[in-house]
């Protein structure tokens, strides 16, 4: 009876470990998907920053050319520069937020990897326990067969008549 309960415990522990591994695998997949989405958004922001910088450079050049001709255009160029600077700041802020998020995702991936290592070790221990119990089950099986043979011999000796009866 103890062997059955032990085997049941082992099987339940194995099932819990398998379920935990599946949950961790799902979480890692979600983290990878999230990291890929974040990378795509970061690349889009970087591309917008490059385009904004190119746009800015073109406007600055235009402002310099117009400054030479008209004082009124100088004021317009200063306003354009202020808008561009605000866009750069927004882009820098967005980049900083994305970097922070990527760092968080990296941390989560590291934690997930450590958890997988722990689960693998627990799985090894469970496998070792099952192997040990398998050996004990085999020993018990052999012992039970010997006991059955002895019991049968005892029963046979009781059913044979004694003293010629």
Protein backbone atom coordinates (compact mmCIF):
# COMPACT_ATOMS: atom_id res chain seq x y z
CA UNK A 1 0.00 0.00 0.00
CA UNK A 2 2.88 2.40 0.79
CA UNK A 3 4.43 1.64 -2.59
CA UNK A 4 1.20 2.58 -4.33
CA UNK A 5 0.96 5.84 -2.41
CA UNK A 6 4.59 6.56 -3.16
CA UNK A 7 4.08 5.87 -6.86
CA UNK A 8 0.94 8.05 -6.80
CA UNK A 9 2.90 10.85 -5.12
CA UNK A 10 5.66 10.56 -7.69
CA UNK A 11 3.21 10.63 -10.58
CA UNK A 12 1.43 13.66 -9.13
CA UNK A 13 4.76 15.43 -8.61
CA UNK A 14 5.72 14.61 -12.17
CA UNK A 15 2.40 16.01 -13.43
CA UNK A 16 2.89 19.21 -11.42
CA UNK A 17 6.42 19.56 -12.78
CA UNK A 18 5.20 19.02 -16.34
CA UNK A 19 2.45 21.61 -15.85
CA UNK A 20 4.95 24.11 -14.41
CA UNK A 21 7.31 23.53 -17.32
CA UNK A 22 4.45 24.11 -19.77
CA UNK A 23 3.46 27.34 -17.99
CA UNK A 24 7.06 28.56 -17.97
CA UNK A 25 7.46 27.71 -21.65
CA UNK A 26 4.30 29.69 -22.42
CA UNK A 27 5.54 32.64 -20.38
CA UNK A 28 8.89 32.57 -22.17
CA UNK A 29 7.10 32.49 -25.53
CA UNK A 30 5.00 35.48 -24.47
CA UNK A 31 8.11 37.32 -23.33
CA UNK A 32 9.84 36.61 -26.63
CA UNK A 33 6.80 37.81 -28.56
CA UNK A 34 6.65 40.94 -26.43
CA UNK A 35 10.39 41.56 -26.94
CA UNK A 36 9.96 41.20 -30.71
CA UNK A 37 7.07 43.66 -30.70
CA UNK A 38 9.08 46.09 -28.59
CA UNK A 39 12.05 45.75 -30.95
CA UNK A 40 9.79 46.53 -33.92
CA UNK A 41 8.38 49.61 -32.19
CA UNK A 42 11.88 50.73 -31.23
CA UNK A 43 13.04 50.36 -34.83
CA UNK A 44 10.03 52.38 -36.04
CA UNK A 45 10.88 55.13 -33.55
CA UNK A 46 14.49 55.10 -34.64
CA UNK A 47 13.45 55.32 -38.28
CA UNK A 48 11.18 58.23 -37.45
CA UNK A 49 14.08 59.90 -35.64
CA UNK A 50 16.30 59.48 -38.71
CA UNK A 51 13.57 60.86 -40.93
CA UNK A 52 12.99 63.70 -38.48
CA UNK A 53 16.71 64.47 -38.42
CA UNK A 54 16.81 64.52 -42.22
CA UNK A 55 13.75 66.72 -42.30
CA UNK A 56 15.33 68.98 -39.69
CA UNK A 57 18.53 69.31 -41.63
CA UNK A 58 16.65 70.27 -44.76
CA UNK A 59 14.68 72.89 -42.87
CA UNK A 60 17.74 74.32 -41.18
CA UNK A 61 19.49 74.71 -44.51
CA UNK A 62 16.42 76.38 -45.92
CA UNK A 63 16.24 78.66 -42.88
CA UNK A 64 19.88 79.68 -43.33
CA UNK A 65 19.29 80.49 -46.98
CA UNK A 66 16.19 82.50 -46.19
CA UNK A 67 17.92 84.27 -43.27
CA UNK A 68 20.31 85.80 -45.71
CA UNK A 69 17.38 87.22 -47.67
CA UNK A 70 14.72 88.06 -45.14
CA UNK A 71 14.59 88.84 -41.41
CA UNK A 72 11.05 87.52 -41.27
CA UNK A 73 12.28 84.08 -42.36
CA UNK A 74 14.74 84.05 -39.48
CA UNK A 75 11.86 84.11 -37.03
CA UNK A 76 10.19 81.27 -38.89
CA UNK A 77 13.40 79.19 -38.77
CA UNK A 78 13.68 79.70 -34.99
CA UNK A 79 10.12 78.43 -34.53
CA UNK A 80 10.85 75.43 -36.75
CA UNK A 81 13.96 74.68 -34.68
CA UNK A 82 11.90 74.78 -31.48
CA UNK A 83 9.41 72.30 -32.96
CA UNK A 84 12.21 70.03 -34.12
CA UNK A 85 13.84 70.11 -30.71
CA UNK A 86 10.55 69.13 -29.12
CA UNK A 87 10.31 66.22 -31.58
CA UNK A 88 13.86 65.16 -30.72
CA UNK A 89 13.05 65.29 -27.04
CA UNK A 90 9.92 63.22 -27.59
CA UNK A 91 11.95 60.74 -29.63
CA UNK A 92 14.66 60.58 -26.94
CA UNK A 93 12.02 60.06 -24.25
CA UNK A 94 10.41 57.28 -26.29
CA UNK A 95 13.81 55.66 -26.83
CA UNK A 96 14.54 55.82 -23.09
CA UNK A 97 11.20 54.19 -22.29
CA UNK A 98 11.77 51.45 -24.84
CA UNK A 99 15.26 50.75 -23.53
CA UNK A 100 13.87 50.48 -20.01
CA UNK A 101 11.20 48.06 -21.21
CA UNK A 102 13.76 45.98 -23.09
CA UNK A 103 15.88 45.78 -19.96
CA UNK A 104 12.82 44.57 -18.04
CA UNK A 105 12.10 41.95 -20.67
CA UNK A 106 15.72 40.82 -20.51
CA UNK A 107 15.44 40.46 -16.75
CA UNK A 108 12.27 38.42 -17.13
CA UNK A 109 13.97 36.17 -19.68
CA UNK A 110 16.86 35.60 -17.27
CA UNK A 111 14.43 34.74 -14.47
CA UNK A 112 12.56 32.39 -16.77
CA UNK A 113 15.79 30.67 -17.78
CA UNK A 114 16.78 30.21 -14.14
CA UNK A 115 13.36 28.74 -13.40
CA UNK A 116 13.75 26.31 -16.28
CA UNK A 117 17.11 25.21 -14.88
CA UNK A 118 15.50 24.65 -11.47
CA UNK A 119 12.68 22.68 -13.05
CA UNK A 120 15.14 20.55 -15.00
CA UNK A 121 17.01 19.76 -11.78
CA UNK A 122 13.75 18.89 -10.04
CA UNK A 123 12.90 16.65 -12.99
CA UNK A 124 16.25 14.88 -12.67
CA UNK A 125 15.62 14.30 -8.96
CA UNK A 126 12.13 12.98 -9.68
CA UNK A 127 13.51 10.64 -12.35
CA UNK A 128 16.14 9.37 -9.92
CA UNK A 129 13.45 8.70 -7.29
CA UNK A 130 11.35 6.83 -9.82
CA UNK A 131 14.38 4.73 -10.81
CA UNK A 132 15.06 3.88 -7.16
CA UNK A 133 11.42 2.96 -6.58
CA UNK A 134 11.42 0.84 -9.73
CA UNK A 135 14.30 -1.19 -8.30
CA UNK A 136 12.47 -1.61 -5.01
CA UNK A 137 9.30 -2.68 -6.83
CA UNK A 138 11.29 -5.35 -8.64
CA UNK A 139 12.74 -6.59 -5.35
CA UNK A 140 9.26 -6.68 -3.80
CA UNK A 141 7.93 -8.59 -6.79
CA UNK A 142 10.63 -11.24 -6.46
CA UNK A 143 10.05 -11.48 -2.69
CA UNK A 144 6.31 -11.88 -3.22
CA UNK A 145 6.86 -14.67 -5.73
CA UNK A 146 9.09 -16.50 -3.21
CA UNK A 147 6.44 -16.00 -0.52
CA UNK A 148 3.72 -17.36 -2.81
CA UNK A 149 5.83 -20.44 -3.60
CA UNK A 150 6.46 -21.08 0.09
CA UNK A 151 2.77 -20.57 0.90
CA UNK A 152 1.75 -22.96 -1.86
CA UNK A 153 4.24 -25.53 -0.58
CA UNK A 154 2.82 -25.09 2.93
CA UNK A 155 -0.76 -25.47 1.68
CA UNK A 156 0.25 -28.54 -0.33
CA UNK A 157 1.85 -30.06 2.76
CA UNK A 158 -1.35 -29.49 4.74
CA UNK A 159 -3.57 -31.08 2.10
CA UNK A 160 -1.42 -34.23 1.76
CA UNK A 161 -2.50 -36.88 4.14
CA UNK A 162 -0.29 -37.71 7.09
CA UNK A 163 0.41 -41.10 8.55
CA UNK A 164 -1.08 -42.85 5.60
CA UNK A 165 -4.45 -41.06 5.75
